[in-house]
Amino acid sequence: MRKRSAALSTLATLAAWLVGCQVIAPLPGVGGEGGDPTTDGNGGAVDGGERQASQGGETVPAPPEGPCEVAECSTHCARSMDLCELTPQYPSVETCCAVCEAMPSPAAYAGCRPVETGDPAGCTGSGLLGPSGGDGCIGQCEAICTLYAAVCPEMPPDLASCVAMCSPWSTSDVFNACSALKAEGSFECRLQQIYLALGEPDPAKRDGACHGILQGRCPKPECETGDD
């Protein structure tokens, strides 16, 4: 879970980003990856899917089952890793969780990008290159700019400027997060730089990836197709 911890640490230590009246906050569960589980005094969960705190008698929700802190993200990421093994949209399940949970509404992000088929186009549509927007779905540019602001808070532009810059970036019908790309300046190359920055614990290297995002450089992917 090294990449998951690095991604959580990166987003947790960055300042919340204010856009109008909307604050994009750190991921849920940051700082303890869910914290210490509470029990009913006998090590078991109480009825109704909750656990009894050891002191004070208060109850807290049981930790969600799955790889992510948010249940909808767990479903999305588990299906993405399972169905899109040949054309993965995220370099790892940990990165998928970090991306999903960084969105303004993780549940809406997962709901707008259901992983329904394992074919290349279907997988591409279930990731960051999914819906362009409308019907309450966060668009491609808003999604990538949200991540950019989270991992690169010291570098302009703001959300509106970033979205305007993103609009002409070229995209393809099929994206593979584990493929070496050559289309400098494309959405996909910037997305791979986002993934690189998201999992990078070294601030200097992360800043380098942030510059690479603005310049549209194509990095070496973090994974290879078929990796576990």
Protein backbone atom coordinates (compact mmCIF):
# COMPACT_ATOMS: atom_id res chain seq x y z
CA MET A 1 0.00 0.00 0.00
CA ARG A 2 3.03 2.31 -0.43
CA LYS A 3 1.48 4.24 -3.32
CA ARG A 4 -1.79 4.63 -1.43
CA SER A 5 0.06 6.05 1.59
CA ALA A 6 2.11 8.41 -0.58
CA ALA A 7 -0.97 9.68 -2.38
CA LEU A 8 -2.85 10.22 0.87
CA SER A 9 0.12 11.98 2.45
CA THR A 10 0.52 14.24 -0.58
CA LEU A 11 -3.08 15.39 -0.60
CA ALA A 12 -3.41 15.53 3.19
CA THR A 13 -0.57 17.99 3.65
CA LEU A 14 -1.70 20.38 0.93
CA ALA A 15 -3.95 23.33 1.78
CA ALA A 16 -7.64 23.04 0.91
CA TRP A 17 -8.34 24.81 -2.36
CA LEU A 18 -11.02 27.51 -2.39
CA VAL A 19 -12.92 28.01 -5.64
CA GLY A 20 -15.84 30.37 -5.22
CA CYS A 21 -17.69 28.85 -2.28
CA GLN A 22 -16.44 25.32 -2.88
CA VAL A 23 -13.59 23.82 -0.87
CA ILE A 24 -11.85 20.70 -2.07
CA ALA A 25 -10.73 19.15 1.21
CA PRO A 26 -8.19 16.43 1.98
CA LEU A 27 -9.24 12.86 1.43
CA PRO A 28 -11.36 11.20 4.12
CA GLY A 29 -9.45 9.09 6.60
CA VAL A 30 -6.17 10.93 6.03
CA GLY A 31 -3.62 10.85 8.79
CA GLY A 32 -4.48 7.39 9.99
CA GLU A 33 -5.90 5.63 6.91
CA GLY A 34 -9.16 5.04 8.76
CA GLY A 35 -7.77 5.33 12.31
CA ASP A 36 -7.83 2.63 14.96
CA PRO A 37 -10.89 0.41 14.74
CA THR A 38 -13.25 0.55 17.71
CA THR A 39 -14.88 -2.50 19.19
CA ASP A 40 -17.72 -3.40 21.45
CA GLY A 41 -15.30 -4.44 24.20
CA ASN A 42 -15.20 -8.00 22.89
CA GLY A 43 -13.59 -7.21 19.57
CA GLY A 44 -16.83 -7.45 17.60
CA ALA A 45 -19.13 -5.08 15.76
CA VAL A 46 -22.46 -4.04 17.19
CA ASP A 47 -25.71 -4.60 15.33
CA GLY A 48 -26.55 -2.44 12.34
CA GLY A 49 -23.05 -2.43 10.84
CA GLU A 50 -21.59 -0.14 13.55
CA ARG A 51 -18.90 -0.64 16.17
CA GLN A 52 -19.12 0.33 19.82
CA ALA A 53 -16.44 2.74 21.06
CA SER A 54 -14.36 1.41 23.96
CA GLN A 55 -15.17 4.48 26.09
CA GLY A 56 -18.20 6.71 26.40
CA GLY A 57 -20.60 4.29 24.74
CA GLU A 58 -20.70 6.21 21.43
CA THR A 59 -20.86 4.33 18.16
CA VAL A 60 -18.91 4.98 14.99
CA PRO A 61 -19.46 3.48 11.54
CA ALA A 62 -17.56 0.31 10.77
CA PRO A 63 -14.66 0.78 8.35
CA PRO A 64 -15.79 0.34 4.73
CA GLU A 65 -14.94 -2.88 2.99
CA GLY A 66 -12.77 -2.46 -0.08
CA PRO A 67 -9.57 -0.67 -1.09
CA CYS A 68 -10.85 2.92 -0.67
CA GLU A 69 -12.17 5.00 2.22
CA VAL A 70 -15.35 5.81 0.24
CA ALA A 71 -17.53 2.79 -0.59
CA GLU A 72 -18.50 4.04 -4.06
CA CYS A 73 -14.84 4.57 -4.90
CA SER A 74 -14.04 1.04 -3.71
CA THR A 75 -16.65 -0.37 -6.09
CA HIS A 76 -15.44 1.78 -8.98
CA CYS A 77 -11.76 1.03 -8.45
CA ALA A 78 -12.17 -2.69 -7.83
CA ARG A 79 -14.21 -3.09 -11.04
CA SER A 80 -11.78 -0.93 -12.99
CA MET A 81 -8.79 -3.00 -11.91
CA ASP A 82 -10.70 -6.22 -12.65
CA LEU A 83 -12.33 -5.41 -16.00
CA CYS A 84 -9.71 -3.08 -17.46
CA GLU A 85 -6.61 -5.16 -16.90
CA LEU A 86 -5.58 -4.84 -20.56
CA THR A 87 -6.31 -1.11 -20.82
CA PRO A 88 -5.98 0.19 -17.25
CA GLN A 89 -7.18 3.71 -16.53
CA TYR A 90 -5.14 4.05 -13.33
CA PRO A 91 -1.59 2.82 -12.63
CA SER A 92 -2.78 1.13 -9.41
CA VAL A 93 -5.87 0.67 -7.28
CA GLU A 94 -4.30 3.00 -4.69
CA THR A 95 -4.04 5.77 -7.28
CA CYS A 96 -7.63 5.13 -8.36
CA CYS A 97 -8.80 5.55 -4.77
CA ALA A 98 -6.84 8.77 -4.35
CA VAL A 99 -8.25 10.19 -7.61
CA CYS A 100 -11.85 9.25 -6.81
CA GLU A 101 -11.69 10.56 -3.24
CA ALA A 102 -10.12 13.86 -4.34
CA MET A 103 -13.16 14.74 -6.46
CA PRO A 104 -15.73 17.30 -5.19
CA SER A 105 -18.21 14.40 -4.92
CA PRO A 106 -16.52 10.99 -4.95
CA ALA A 107 -19.87 9.19 -5.17
CA ALA A 108 -20.91 11.28 -8.17
CA TYR A 109 -17.57 10.70 -9.87
CA ALA A 110 -17.93 6.94 -9.46
CA GLY A 111 -21.60 7.04 -10.51
CA CYS A 112 -20.84 9.01 -13.69
CA ARG A 113 -18.01 6.67 -14.70
CA PRO A 114 -19.34 3.15 -14.13
CA VAL A 115 -17.06 0.34 -15.29
CA GLU A 116 -19.52 -1.69 -17.32
CA THR A 117 -17.32 -3.33 -19.93
CA GLY A 118 -13.72 -4.38 -20.33
CA ASP A 119 -13.35 -3.32 -23.95
CA PRO A 120 -10.82 -0.50 -24.58
CA ALA A 121 -13.34 2.25 -25.37
CA GLY A 122 -15.55 1.27 -22.44
CA CYS A 123 -12.61 1.33 -20.05
CA THR A 124 -11.48 4.72 -21.36
CA GLY A 125 -14.96 6.11 -20.76
CA SER A 126 -14.89 4.90 -17.15
CA GLY A 127 -11.77 6.88 -16.20
CA LEU A 128 -10.61 10.50 -16.30
CA LEU A 129 -11.26 10.57 -20.05
CA GLY A 130 -14.90 9.76 -19.32
CA PRO A 131 -17.90 12.11 -19.61
CA SER A 132 -17.14 15.66 -20.71
CA GLY A 133 -19.76 16.96 -18.28
CA GLY A 134 -23.50 17.55 -18.03
CA ASP A 135 -26.13 15.69 -16.05
CA GLY A 136 -24.25 16.41 -12.84
CA CYS A 137 -21.08 14.63 -13.99
CA ILE A 138 -17.72 16.29 -13.47
CA GLY A 139 -16.12 16.82 -16.87
CA GLN A 140 -12.70 15.69 -18.07
CA CYS A 141 -11.11 19.11 -17.70
CA GLU A 142 -12.68 19.89 -14.33
CA ALA A 143 -11.58 16.47 -13.06
CA ILE A 144 -7.95 16.77 -14.17
CA CYS A 145 -7.78 20.40 -13.00
CA THR A 146 -9.14 19.39 -9.58
CA LEU A 147 -6.30 16.89 -9.27
CA TYR A 148 -3.78 19.42 -10.57
CA ALA A 149 -4.82 21.95 -7.94
CA ALA A 150 -4.59 19.29 -5.21
CA VAL A 151 -1.07 18.10 -6.02
CA CYS A 152 0.36 21.39 -7.36
CA PRO A 153 -1.15 24.16 -5.17
CA GLU A 154 1.80 26.51 -5.61
CA MET A 155 1.50 26.63 -9.39
CA PRO A 156 -1.13 28.63 -11.25
CA PRO A 157 -3.58 28.58 -12.93
CA ASP A 158 -6.77 28.51 -10.89
CA LEU A 159 -9.61 26.13 -11.72
CA ALA A 160 -11.34 28.35 -14.29
CA SER A 161 -8.07 29.14 -16.09
CA CYS A 162 -6.99 25.52 -15.99
CA VAL A 163 -10.28 24.34 -17.48
CA ALA A 164 -9.96 26.95 -20.24
CA MET A 165 -6.41 25.76 -20.97
CA CYS A 166 -7.52 22.14 -20.96
CA SER A 167 -10.33 22.52 -23.50
CA PRO A 168 -8.13 22.25 -26.63
CA TRP A 169 -5.95 19.42 -25.31
CA SER A 170 -6.22 16.47 -27.66
CA THR A 171 -7.68 13.19 -26.47
CA SER A 172 -7.97 9.73 -27.98
CA ASP A 173 -10.72 7.14 -27.99
CA VAL A 174 -8.54 4.68 -26.09
CA PHE A 175 -6.28 5.45 -23.13
CA ASN A 176 -3.94 3.07 -21.34
CA ALA A 177 -2.34 4.42 -18.15
CA CYS A 178 0.46 1.88 -18.48
CA SER A 179 1.46 2.66 -22.08
CA ALA A 180 4.36 4.85 -23.13
CA LEU A 181 2.87 7.90 -24.86
CA LYS A 182 4.42 10.20 -27.46
CA ALA A 183 1.70 12.81 -28.05
CA GLU A 184 3.35 15.70 -26.21
CA GLY A 185 0.83 18.26 -25.01
CA SER A 186 -2.08 15.82 -24.98
CA PHE A 187 -4.59 15.27 -22.18
CA GLU A 188 -3.25 11.75 -21.73
CA CYS A 189 0.38 12.79 -21.21
CA ARG A 190 -0.72 15.36 -18.65
CA LEU A 191 -2.85 12.74 -16.93
CA GLN A 192 0.13 10.41 -16.62
CA GLN A 193 2.08 13.33 -15.10
CA ILE A 194 -0.78 13.81 -12.63
CA TYR A 195 -0.49 10.15 -11.64
CA LEU A 196 3.27 10.54 -11.26
CA ALA A 197 2.90 13.61 -9.02
CA LEU A 198 0.09 12.04 -6.98
CA GLY A 199 2.21 9.11 -5.87
CA GLU A 200 5.48 11.02 -5.42
CA PRO A 201 6.48 11.64 -1.77
CA ASP A 202 9.59 13.67 -2.70
CA PRO A 203 8.55 17.37 -2.96
CA ALA A 204 11.28 18.19 -5.47
CA LYS A 205 10.31 15.35 -7.79
CA ARG A 206 6.64 16.22 -7.36
CA ASP A 207 7.36 19.82 -8.38
CA GLY A 208 9.11 18.48 -11.47
CA ALA A 209 6.02 16.46 -12.35
CA CYS A 210 3.86 19.56 -11.79
CA HIS A 211 5.96 21.49 -14.32
CA GLY A 212 5.63 18.52 -16.66
CA ILE A 213 1.85 18.74 -16.41
CA LEU A 214 1.83 22.37 -17.56
CA GLN A 215 4.29 21.64 -20.35
CA GLY A 216 2.45 18.52 -21.46
CA ARG A 217 5.48 16.26 -21.32
CA CYS A 218 4.97 12.51 -21.64
CA PRO A 219 6.54 10.67 -18.68
CA LYS A 220 7.52 7.06 -18.36
CA PRO A 221 4.40 5.25 -17.08
CA GLU A 222 4.41 3.92 -13.51
CA CYS A 223 3.14 0.50 -14.52
CA GLU A 224 3.10 -2.04 -17.31
CA THR A 225 -0.05 -3.57 -18.75
CA GLY A 226 -0.80 -6.83 -17.00
CA ASP A 227 1.00 -5.88 -13.75
CA ASP A 228 -0.70 -7.03 -10.56
